C-alpha cells in the first residue's frame, strides 16, 4: 500500500514538473539571452550568431546578447557554456570546431561535446573555398601545388586559431596535396583575413560563408571550392575535383547548443524558432549568397550528426598528425 502511494506521489510530482516546464517554456524568454561565440568577430560563427540573435530578438522582444569569448580552439567559451545554468538563458553558437575537432586536439578541453550539452539545431553547412592573396602567382590549385612543392614550408596559411575550420581544412589540404606549409594561427578569423589581404600570409581555406565576400570584392583570389559541382552564385570558381584533387573533402558547419539539463520544452521552443527563421525568404537568400546549405532538423538529429563528425575528425586528425600548438 505504501509502495502504491509512493508511486502515485512520484508520478504526480513528475507530471507537475512537466506541466510547470511547459508553462515556463510558454513564457520563455522573460529576460535577455546570452549567446556565446567561441571565436572573434568577423568569422562565420560570429556572422550567424548575430543573424540568429537578431531574429530571436525580433520575434521575442528580448535581447540576445552575442558575447565573443575566443581562445584555445573555441574550447574556452564552450566549457563556459557547459558549466552555465541550464535555464535557456545561456546558449552556444557551436560548430565543427567546438564539437568535432577541438575535443580531439586538446587533452582536456573542459567539456564533453555530447554529454555536457542539449542539442538545439543545426544552423547550416558551408563548403570551404581556398583563397590566396593577390601576390601569389598561382592561378590554379595545381599551380599552387607546384610552387609549394618547390619551396617546402615557405607558404604560410592563416587560421582563426587551433581547431578552427581554417586550421583543419588547410591541414587536410596539405595531406592530400602532399605539400608542406607553415601554420600561422591568429586570434580569430578577422585578423587572419586582414593578414591575407595584406600579404602577411599566402592563403586561407575557410567556409564560403566567411571567405566569399573577400573574393567578390576582388581582394582575394579563389582557387577552388570543396563541392561536387560549382556554385551557381560563383560559377568561375572550379571545384577541387576539377582542380585534380578529388580526394579533398572539407566543410564547415554551425549549430546551436544549450547546457545539458536545459528543460526539453525550452529546447523545443528554440528548435522551432530556428526552423521558423530558416524558412524566411531573406534567410534562404542569405544562405544562397554564401553558398551554404541551411540546417534545421531535430535536436536528436543534431546529436547523431555530432557523434558522426566526432568519429570522422578523430581519424582525420590522427592521420594528419594535427596537434594543438
Protein backbone atom coordinates (compact mmCIF):
# COMPACT_ATOMS: atom_id res chain seq x y z
CA UNK A 1 0.00 0.00 0.00
CA UNK A 2 2.76 2.39 0.91
CA UNK A 3 4.57 1.49 -2.29
CA UNK A 4 1.49 2.37 -4.32
CA UNK A 5 1.08 5.69 -2.56
CA UNK A 6 4.75 6.50 -3.11
CA UNK A 7 4.49 5.59 -6.80
CA UNK A 8 1.37 7.77 -7.21
CA UNK A 9 3.10 10.64 -5.42
CA UNK A 10 6.18 10.40 -7.62
CA UNK A 11 4.08 10.22 -10.76
CA UNK A 12 2.07 13.26 -9.68
CA UNK A 13 5.27 15.15 -8.91
CA UNK A 14 6.72 14.28 -12.30
CA UNK A 15 3.56 15.44 -14.08
CA UNK A 16 3.63 18.66 -12.11
CA UNK A 17 7.24 19.28 -13.12
CA UNK A 18 6.39 18.65 -16.77
CA UNK A 19 3.42 21.00 -16.55
CA UNK A 20 5.50 23.68 -14.87
CA UNK A 21 8.19 23.25 -17.51
CA UNK A 22 5.64 23.69 -20.29
CA UNK A 23 4.30 26.85 -18.68
CA UNK A 24 7.83 28.13 -18.16
CA UNK A 25 8.60 27.50 -21.83
CA UNK A 26 5.48 29.39 -22.91
CA UNK A 27 6.71 32.46 -21.05
CA UNK A 28 10.35 31.99 -22.12
CA UNK A 29 12.25 34.20 -22.58
CA UNK A 30 11.47 36.79 -19.90
CA UNK A 31 14.97 38.32 -19.82
CA UNK A 32 17.94 38.77 -22.18
CA UNK A 33 19.65 35.67 -23.56
CA UNK A 34 23.43 35.33 -23.74
CA UNK A 35 24.69 33.69 -26.92
CA UNK A 36 28.33 32.69 -26.54
CA UNK A 37 30.54 32.70 -29.65
CA UNK A 38 33.86 30.82 -29.25
CA UNK A 39 35.67 33.00 -31.81
CA UNK A 40 36.27 36.67 -32.50
CA UNK A 41 34.15 38.91 -34.71
CA UNK A 42 34.43 38.64 -38.46
CA UNK A 43 34.09 34.90 -39.00
CA UNK A 44 31.23 32.61 -39.94
CA UNK A 45 30.45 31.76 -36.30
CA UNK A 46 30.06 35.41 -35.35
CA UNK A 47 28.08 36.25 -38.50
CA UNK A 48 25.50 33.52 -37.93
CA UNK A 49 25.28 34.29 -34.21
CA UNK A 50 24.35 37.88 -34.94
CA UNK A 51 21.87 36.95 -37.66
CA UNK A 52 20.02 34.43 -35.49
CA UNK A 53 20.38 36.61 -32.42
CA UNK A 54 18.62 39.48 -34.17
CA UNK A 55 15.91 37.17 -35.49
CA UNK A 56 15.26 35.83 -31.98
CA UNK A 57 15.21 39.36 -30.57
CA UNK A 58 12.70 40.50 -33.18
CA UNK A 59 10.46 37.50 -32.52
CA UNK A 60 10.52 37.53 -28.72
CA UNK A 61 11.16 41.14 -27.75
CA UNK A 62 14.06 40.09 -25.51
CA UNK A 63 17.62 40.99 -26.42
CA UNK A 64 20.02 38.27 -27.48
CA UNK A 65 23.45 39.44 -26.41
CA UNK A 66 26.21 37.99 -28.58
CA UNK A 67 29.31 37.52 -26.44
CA UNK A 68 32.59 36.65 -28.18
CA UNK A 69 34.86 34.51 -25.99
CA UNK A 70 37.73 33.34 -28.24
CA UNK A 71 40.62 31.13 -27.20
CA UNK A 72 42.02 27.58 -27.25
CA UNK A 73 40.31 26.46 -30.43
CA UNK A 74 36.90 27.51 -29.15
CA UNK A 75 37.14 25.41 -26.00
CA UNK A 76 37.12 28.32 -23.55
CA UNK A 77 33.64 29.57 -24.47
CA UNK A 78 32.36 26.04 -24.97
CA UNK A 79 33.48 24.95 -21.50
CA UNK A 80 31.90 28.11 -20.09
CA UNK A 81 28.62 27.25 -21.77
CA UNK A 82 28.78 23.68 -20.48
CA UNK A 83 29.01 24.97 -16.90
CA UNK A 84 26.27 27.59 -17.26
CA UNK A 85 22.89 27.30 -15.53
CA UNK A 86 20.67 25.16 -17.79
CA UNK A 87 17.74 27.56 -17.91
CA UNK A 88 17.80 28.59 -21.57
CA UNK A 89 19.45 31.95 -20.95
CA UNK A 90 22.94 30.85 -21.96
CA UNK A 91 23.28 29.39 -25.44
CA UNK A 92 26.31 28.44 -27.54
CA UNK A 93 26.96 29.05 -31.22
CA UNK A 94 28.64 25.68 -31.65
CA UNK A 95 30.40 24.39 -34.73
CA UNK A 96 32.63 21.77 -36.27
CA UNK A 97 35.49 23.32 -34.27
CA UNK A 98 33.90 23.09 -30.82
CA UNK A 99 32.04 19.80 -31.24
CA UNK A 100 34.09 17.71 -33.68
CA UNK A 101 37.68 18.97 -33.91
CA UNK A 102 38.92 20.63 -30.71
CA UNK A 103 37.79 17.76 -28.44
CA UNK A 104 40.42 15.66 -30.27
CA UNK A 105 43.12 18.36 -30.30
CA UNK A 106 43.20 19.16 -26.61
CA UNK A 107 43.97 16.69 -23.85
CA UNK A 108 41.31 18.24 -21.62
CA UNK A 109 39.01 20.67 -23.47
CA UNK A 110 36.93 21.11 -20.34
CA UNK A 111 33.75 19.53 -21.66
CA UNK A 112 32.24 16.51 -23.35
CA UNK A 113 30.67 17.63 -26.66
CA UNK A 114 27.77 15.19 -26.30
CA UNK A 115 27.15 14.58 -22.59
CA UNK A 116 27.55 18.20 -21.45
CA UNK A 117 25.12 19.74 -23.93
CA UNK A 118 21.50 19.74 -25.03
CA UNK A 119 21.39 19.94 -28.81
CA UNK A 120 19.08 22.57 -30.30
CA UNK A 121 19.51 22.57 -34.08
CA UNK A 122 21.94 22.51 -36.97
CA UNK A 123 22.11 26.03 -38.43
CA UNK A 124 23.96 25.46 -41.67
CA UNK A 125 26.68 23.65 -43.60
CA UNK A 126 29.12 25.54 -45.80
CA UNK A 127 31.77 24.11 -48.11
CA UNK A 128 35.27 25.56 -47.88
CA UNK A 129 36.99 27.64 -50.52
CA UNK A 130 40.74 28.08 -50.99
CA UNK A 131 41.75 31.73 -51.33
CA UNK A 132 45.21 33.22 -51.89
CA UNK A 133 46.39 36.80 -51.65
CA UNK A 134 46.76 38.63 -54.95
CA UNK A 135 50.55 38.49 -54.76
CA UNK A 136 50.65 34.70 -55.01
CA UNK A 137 51.41 33.90 -58.68
CA UNK A 138 49.34 30.70 -58.76
CA UNK A 139 46.10 30.94 -60.72
CA UNK A 140 45.03 27.36 -60.00
CA UNK A 141 45.38 24.72 -57.33
CA UNK A 142 47.81 22.72 -59.41
CA UNK A 143 50.00 25.78 -59.98
CA UNK A 144 49.99 26.40 -56.24
CA UNK A 145 50.96 22.79 -55.51
CA UNK A 146 53.91 23.06 -57.91
CA UNK A 147 55.09 26.25 -56.17
CA UNK A 148 54.60 24.77 -52.68
CA UNK A 149 56.50 21.58 -53.52
CA UNK A 150 59.36 23.64 -54.89
CA UNK A 151 59.63 25.54 -51.60
CA UNK A 152 58.57 23.25 -48.71
CA UNK A 153 57.37 25.25 -45.73
CA UNK A 154 57.71 28.60 -47.48
CA UNK A 155 53.98 29.23 -47.98
CA UNK A 156 52.05 30.36 -44.93
CA UNK A 157 48.39 29.65 -44.29
CA UNK A 158 46.40 31.54 -41.71
CA UNK A 159 43.68 30.41 -39.38
CA UNK A 160 41.43 31.73 -36.67
CA UNK A 161 43.20 29.51 -34.18
CA UNK A 162 43.93 25.87 -33.47
CA UNK A 163 40.96 23.64 -34.18
CA UNK A 164 39.18 26.15 -36.40
CA UNK A 165 37.80 25.18 -39.80
CA UNK A 166 40.62 27.21 -41.36
CA UNK A 167 43.21 25.13 -39.49
CA UNK A 168 41.89 21.65 -40.16
CA UNK A 169 40.88 22.39 -43.78
CA UNK A 170 44.39 23.55 -44.63
CA UNK A 171 46.00 20.62 -42.82
CA UNK A 172 43.85 18.17 -44.76
CA UNK A 173 44.79 20.01 -47.97
CA UNK A 174 48.48 19.66 -47.10
CA UNK A 175 48.00 15.94 -46.54
CA UNK A 176 46.04 15.32 -49.75
CA UNK A 177 48.20 17.57 -51.95
CA UNK A 178 51.46 16.35 -50.45
CA UNK A 179 52.80 19.81 -49.61
CA UNK A 180 54.36 21.36 -46.52
CA UNK A 181 53.04 24.73 -45.35
CA UNK A 182 53.53 26.87 -42.28
CA UNK A 183 50.54 27.40 -39.99
CA UNK A 184 50.08 30.94 -38.68
CA UNK A 185 47.25 30.99 -36.10
CA UNK A 186 45.56 34.29 -35.30
CA UNK A 187 43.18 35.27 -32.55
CA UNK A 188 40.14 34.89 -34.75
CA UNK A 189 39.21 34.81 -38.42
CA UNK A 190 39.08 38.60 -38.74
CA UNK A 191 42.82 39.15 -38.07
CA UNK A 192 43.63 36.25 -40.40
CA UNK A 193 41.70 37.89 -43.24
CA UNK A 194 43.47 41.19 -42.64
CA UNK A 195 46.79 39.35 -42.83
CA UNK A 196 45.72 37.61 -46.03
CA UNK A 197 44.69 40.80 -47.79
CA UNK A 198 47.86 42.49 -46.54
CA UNK A 199 50.03 39.63 -47.90
CA UNK A 200 51.38 38.69 -44.47
CA UNK A 201 50.18 35.16 -45.23
CA UNK A 202 49.68 33.42 -48.55
CA UNK A 203 46.41 31.58 -48.25
CA UNK A 204 43.35 30.72 -46.23
CA UNK A 205 40.94 27.83 -46.64
CA UNK A 206 37.68 28.75 -44.98
CA UNK A 207 33.95 28.39 -45.42
CA UNK A 208 32.25 30.07 -48.35
CA UNK A 209 30.11 31.91 -45.82
CA UNK A 210 33.19 33.62 -44.41
CA UNK A 211 35.55 33.99 -47.38
CA UNK A 212 33.32 34.66 -50.40
CA UNK A 213 32.76 38.35 -49.54
CA UNK A 214 36.53 38.96 -49.88
CA UNK A 215 36.58 37.03 -53.15
CA UNK A 216 33.67 39.01 -54.57
CA UNK A 217 35.29 42.29 -53.58
CA UNK A 218 38.38 41.35 -55.57
CA UNK A 219 40.74 41.37 -52.60
CA UNK A 220 41.34 37.59 -52.59
CA UNK A 221 41.74 35.13 -55.48
CA UNK A 222 39.73 31.93 -55.11
CA UNK A 223 41.38 28.79 -56.49
CA UNK A 224 38.82 26.08 -55.73
CA UNK A 225 35.74 25.22 -53.71
CA UNK A 226 35.04 21.90 -51.98
CA UNK A 227 31.77 20.99 -53.69
CA UNK A 228 30.80 18.30 -56.15
CA UNK A 229 29.56 20.97 -58.55
CA UNK A 230 30.35 24.65 -58.96
CA UNK A 231 28.31 27.15 -57.02
CA UNK A 232 25.67 28.90 -59.17
CA UNK A 233 26.47 32.08 -57.22
CA UNK A 234 30.19 31.82 -58.04
CA UNK A 235 30.43 29.88 -61.31
CA UNK A 236 34.01 31.00 -62.01
CA UNK A 237 35.41 29.07 -59.02
CA UNK A 238 36.30 25.48 -60.01
CA UNK A 239 35.77 22.57 -57.65
CA UNK A 240 38.66 20.67 -56.09
CA UNK A 241 37.56 17.72 -58.24
CA UNK A 242 38.10 19.82 -61.36
CA UNK A 243 41.37 21.03 -59.87
CA UNK A 244 42.69 17.46 -59.73
CA UNK A 245 42.14 16.77 -56.02
CA UNK A 246 39.02 14.59 -55.90
CA UNK A 247 40.09 13.19 -52.51
CA UNK A 248 39.90 16.60 -50.86
CA UNK A 249 36.66 16.99 -48.94
CA UNK A 250 36.02 19.53 -46.20
CA UNK A 251 33.29 21.80 -44.98
CA UNK A 252 32.27 23.83 -42.01
CA UNK A 253 29.07 23.56 -40.07
CA UNK A 254 27.39 25.66 -37.44
CA UNK A 255 24.89 24.68 -34.79
CA UNK A 256 23.32 25.80 -31.54
CA UNK A 257 23.56 24.07 -28.17
CA UNK A 258 22.47 24.72 -24.60
CA UNK A 259 23.91 23.31 -21.37
CA UNK A 260 22.87 19.74 -20.57
CA UNK A 261 19.74 19.68 -18.45
CA UNK A 262 18.02 22.60 -20.16
CA UNK A 263 14.26 21.88 -19.99
CA UNK A 264 13.05 19.94 -23.01
CA UNK A 265 10.21 22.38 -23.54
CA UNK A 266 12.67 25.27 -23.92
CA UNK A 267 14.84 23.24 -26.29
CA UNK A 268 11.72 22.52 -28.36
CA UNK A 269 10.82 26.21 -28.45
CA UNK A 270 14.33 27.18 -29.56
CA UNK A 271 14.37 24.44 -32.19
CA UNK A 272 11.02 25.63 -33.51
CA UNK A 273 12.27 29.19 -33.73
CA UNK A 274 15.35 28.12 -35.68
CA UNK A 275 13.10 26.23 -38.10
CA UNK A 276 10.85 29.27 -38.49
CA UNK A 277 13.79 31.57 -39.16
CA UNK A 278 15.28 29.17 -41.71
CA UNK A 279 12.07 29.32 -43.77
CA UNK A 280 12.14 33.09 -44.10
CA UNK A 281 12.92 34.24 -47.67
CA UNK A 282 15.66 36.63 -46.57
CA UNK A 283 17.44 33.85 -44.68
CA UNK A 284 17.19 31.45 -47.60
CA UNK A 285 18.60 34.13 -49.89
CA UNK A 286 21.38 34.89 -47.42
CA UNK A 287 22.44 31.25 -47.30
CA UNK A 288 22.24 31.03 -51.09
CA UNK A 289 24.53 34.03 -51.49
CA UNK A 290 27.01 32.50 -49.06
CA UNK A 291 26.99 29.17 -50.87
CA UNK A 292 25.81 27.43 -47.72
CA UNK A 293 23.06 24.91 -47.15
CA UNK A 294 20.56 25.72 -44.44
CA UNK A 295 20.33 23.41 -41.47
CA UNK A 296 17.29 22.55 -39.42
CA UNK A 297 16.14 19.18 -38.19
CA UNK A 298 15.51 17.91 -34.70
CA UNK A 299 17.77 18.04 -31.65
CA UNK A 300 18.13 14.26 -31.89
CA UNK A 301 19.34 14.55 -35.47
CA UNK A 302 21.94 17.12 -34.45
CA UNK A 303 23.20 14.84 -31.67
CA UNK A 304 23.58 11.97 -34.13
CA UNK A 305 25.35 14.29 -36.58
CA UNK A 306 27.80 15.48 -33.92
CA UNK A 307 28.64 11.90 -32.97
CA UNK A 308 29.36 11.01 -36.60
CA UNK A 309 31.52 14.12 -37.09
CA UNK A 310 33.46 13.37 -33.91
CA UNK A 311 34.33 9.94 -35.27
CA UNK A 312 35.22 11.33 -38.70
CA UNK A 313 37.60 14.01 -37.44
CA UNK A 314 39.20 11.70 -34.94
CA UNK A 315 40.59 9.78 -37.90
CA UNK A 316 41.40 12.91 -39.94
CA UNK A 317 43.36 14.48 -37.08
CA UNK A 318 45.21 11.28 -36.26
CA UNK A 319 46.15 10.60 -39.89
CA UNK A 320 47.27 14.20 -40.48
CA UNK A 321 49.17 14.37 -37.21
CA UNK A 322 47.40 17.59 -36.22
CA UNK A 323 48.10 18.81 -32.70
CA UNK A 324 47.21 21.95 -30.78
CA UNK A 325 50.18 24.29 -31.00
